[in-house]
C-alpha atoms as a PDB file:
ATOM      1  CA  MET A   1     -10.683   0.317  -8.422  1.00  0.00           C
ATOM      2  CA  VAL A   2      -7.289   1.453  -9.584  1.00  0.00           C
ATOM      3  CA  CYS A   3      -4.066   0.468  -7.811  1.00  0.00           C
ATOM      4  CA  SER A   4      -3.188   1.620  -4.304  1.00  0.00           C
ATOM      5  CA  HIS A   5      -0.826   4.263  -5.713  1.00  0.00           C
ATOM      6  CA  LEU A   6      -3.771   6.139  -7.285  1.00  0.00           C
ATOM      7  CA  SER A   7      -6.719   5.007  -5.152  1.00  0.00           C
ATOM      8  CA  GLU A   8      -6.788   8.067  -2.874  1.00  0.00           C
ATOM      9  CA  LEU A   9      -7.318  10.377  -5.852  1.00  0.00           C
ATOM     10  CA  GLU A  10      -9.919   8.068  -7.375  1.00  0.00           C
ATOM     11  CA  THR A  11     -11.874   7.988  -4.102  1.00  0.00           C
ATOM     12  CA  GLU A  12     -11.740  11.782  -3.775  1.00  0.00           C
ATOM     13  CA  LEU A  13     -13.034  12.307  -7.308  1.00  0.00           C
ATOM     14  CA  ILE A  14     -15.885   9.851  -6.840  1.00  0.00           C
ATOM     15  CA  GLU A  15     -16.855  11.344  -3.475  1.00  0.00           C
ATOM     16  CA  ALA A  16     -16.735  14.864  -4.965  1.00  0.00           C
ATOM     17  CA  GLY A  17     -19.323  13.717  -7.517  1.00  0.00           C
ATOM     18  CA  PHE A  18     -17.325  14.053 -10.725  1.00  0.00           C
ATOM     19  CA  ALA A  19     -18.770  11.991 -13.561  1.00  0.00           C
ATOM     20  CA  GLU A  20     -16.773   8.967 -14.647  1.00  0.00           C
ATOM     21  CA  THR A  21     -16.702   8.920 -18.449  1.00  0.00           C
ATOM     22  CA  PHE A  22     -14.703   5.728 -19.060  1.00  0.00           C
ATOM     23  CA  ARG A  23     -13.204   2.868 -17.066  1.00  0.00           C
ATOM     24  CA  GLY A  24     -11.180   0.030 -18.514  1.00  0.00           C
ATOM     25  CA  GLN A  25      -8.234  -0.732 -20.740  1.00  0.00           C
ATOM     26  CA  ALA A  26      -7.719   2.575 -22.502  1.00  0.00           C
ATOM     27  CA  TRP A  27      -5.505   2.376 -25.545  1.00  0.00           C
ATOM     28  CA  SER A  28      -2.959  -0.456 -25.364  1.00  0.00           C
ATOM     29  CA  ASP A  29      -2.214  -3.789 -23.743  1.00  0.00           C
ATOM     30  CA  ASN A  30       0.189  -1.912 -21.451  1.00  0.00           C
ATOM     31  CA  CYS A  31      -2.790  -0.261 -19.701  1.00  0.00           C
ATOM     32  CA  ARG A  32      -4.546  -2.179 -16.943  1.00  0.00           C
ATOM     33  CA  GLU A  33      -7.327   0.071 -15.680  1.00  0.00           C
ATOM     34  CA  TRP A  34      -7.626   3.714 -16.654  1.00  0.00           C
ATOM     35  CA  VAL A  35     -10.425   5.875 -15.313  1.00  0.00           C
ATOM     36  CA  TYR A  36     -11.464   9.100 -17.016  1.00  0.00           C
ATOM     37  CA  PHE A  37     -13.360  11.834 -15.182  1.00  0.00           C
ATOM     38  CA  ASP A  38     -15.206  14.861 -16.528  1.00  0.00           C
ATOM     39  CA  VAL A  39     -12.960  17.379 -14.757  1.00  0.00           C
ATOM     40  CA  VAL A  40      -9.689  19.217 -15.300  1.00  0.00           C
ATOM     41  CA  LEU A  41      -7.125  17.830 -12.864  1.00  0.00           C
ATOM     42  CA  ASP A  42      -4.700  20.416 -11.491  1.00  0.00           C
ATOM     43  CA  VAL A  43      -1.770  17.985 -11.617  1.00  0.00           C
ATOM     44  CA  GLY A  44       0.640  20.428  -9.950  1.00  0.00           C
ATOM     45  CA  ALA A  45      -1.552  21.052  -6.925  1.00  0.00           C
ATOM     46  CA  LEU A  46      -2.562  17.384  -6.671  1.00  0.00           C
ATOM     47  CA  SER A  47       1.070  16.210  -6.841  1.00  0.00           C
ATOM     48  CA  GLU A  48       1.949  18.472  -3.930  1.00  0.00           C
ATOM     49  CA  ARG A  49      -1.103  17.667  -1.841  1.00  0.00           C
ATOM     50  CA  LEU A  50      -1.270  13.900  -2.336  1.00  0.00           C
ATOM     51  CA  VAL A  51       2.481  13.201  -2.551  1.00  0.00           C
ATOM     52  CA  PHE A  52       2.328  10.253  -4.925  1.00  0.00           C
ATOM     53  CA  GLY A  53       5.115   7.694  -4.797  1.00  0.00           C
ATOM     54  CA  PRO A  54       7.908   7.507  -7.362  1.00  0.00           C
ATOM     55  CA  THR A  55       5.960   5.144  -9.620  1.00  0.00           C
ATOM     56  CA  VAL A  56       3.288   7.768 -10.376  1.00  0.00           C
ATOM     57  CA  LYS A  57       3.981  10.258 -13.154  1.00  0.00           C
ATOM     58  CA  VAL A  58       1.992  12.982 -14.860  1.00  0.00           C
ATOM     59  CA  HIS A  59       0.667  11.936 -18.256  1.00  0.00           C
ATOM     60  CA  GLU A  60      -0.534  14.443 -20.837  1.00  0.00           C
ATOM     61  CA  ASN A  61      -1.800  13.852 -24.354  1.00  0.00           C
ATOM     62  CA  ASN A  62      -2.160  16.960 -26.522  1.00  0.00           C
ATOM     63  CA  ASP A  63      -3.066  15.167 -29.756  1.00  0.00           C
ATOM     64  CA  PRO A  64      -6.618  16.198 -30.705  1.00  0.00           C
ATOM     65  CA  ARG A  65      -6.998  13.113 -32.941  1.00  0.00           C
ATOM     66  CA  SER A  66      -6.471  10.606 -30.128  1.00  0.00           C
ATOM     67  CA  GLY A  67      -8.001  12.619 -27.287  1.00  0.00           C
ATOM     68  CA  LEU A  68      -6.876  15.483 -25.087  1.00  0.00           C
ATOM     69  CA  GLU A  69      -6.169  14.354 -21.536  1.00  0.00           C
ATOM     70  CA  ILE A  70      -4.056  15.034 -18.483  1.00  0.00           C
ATOM     71  CA  GLY A  71      -3.719  13.022 -15.320  1.00  0.00           C
ATOM     72  CA  PHE A  72      -1.573  10.457 -13.568  1.00  0.00           C
ATOM     73  CA  VAL A  73      -0.228   7.030 -14.537  1.00  0.00           C
ATOM     74  CA  CYS A  74       1.331   4.416 -12.284  1.00  0.00           C
ATOM     75  CA  GLY A  75       4.336   2.943 -14.056  1.00  0.00           C
ATOM     76  CA  GLN A  76       4.376  -0.093 -11.790  1.00  0.00           C
ATOM     77  CA  CYS A  77       0.719  -1.120 -12.048  1.00  0.00           C
ATOM     78  CA  HIS A  78      -0.151   0.474 -15.417  1.00  0.00           C
ATOM     79  CA  ASP A  79      -3.254   2.170 -14.037  1.00  0.00           C
ATOM     80  CA  GLY A  80      -4.238   5.739 -14.763  1.00  0.00           C
ATOM     81  CA  ILE A  81      -6.569   8.510 -13.695  1.00  0.00           C
ATOM     82  CA  MET A  82      -7.245  11.046 -16.414  1.00  0.00           C
ATOM     83  CA  GLY A  83      -9.136  14.266 -16.715  1.00  0.00           C
ATOM     84  CA  ARG A  84      -9.857  16.778 -19.436  1.00  0.00           C
ATOM     85  CA  THR A  85      -7.337  19.389 -20.568  1.00  0.00           C
ATOM     86  CA  GLU A  86      -9.857  22.231 -20.567  1.00  0.00           C
ATOM     87  CA  GLY A  87     -13.152  23.131 -18.999  1.00  0.00           C
ATOM     88  CA  SER A  88     -14.643  25.007 -16.117  1.00  0.00           C
ATOM     89  CA  LYS A  89     -14.704  22.183 -13.574  1.00  0.00           C
ATOM     90  CA  ARG A  90     -11.265  21.937 -11.925  1.00  0.00           C
ATOM     91  CA  TYR A  91     -10.019  19.746  -9.121  1.00  0.00           C
ATOM     92  CA  LYS A  92      -7.020  20.401  -6.932  1.00  0.00           C
END
């Protein structure tokens, strides 16, 4: 499980049945546990609804060579929850 700052979102996504596509240290030693889901995360709506603490920021990667993703990263714990940048399945 990811840190307590992101665990509510992780639990919701799992309970909603979204497929987990990766879990682990994503791309650098500065990442602890990142979880990727096969869904587009509506980061605006989720930020308002879940009211993350100040350590959680939106992360977006638009580089097609390294992988398109958008989600949330905890700057304190170095965990992340990522989704796709496009697709029909959306979560808010």
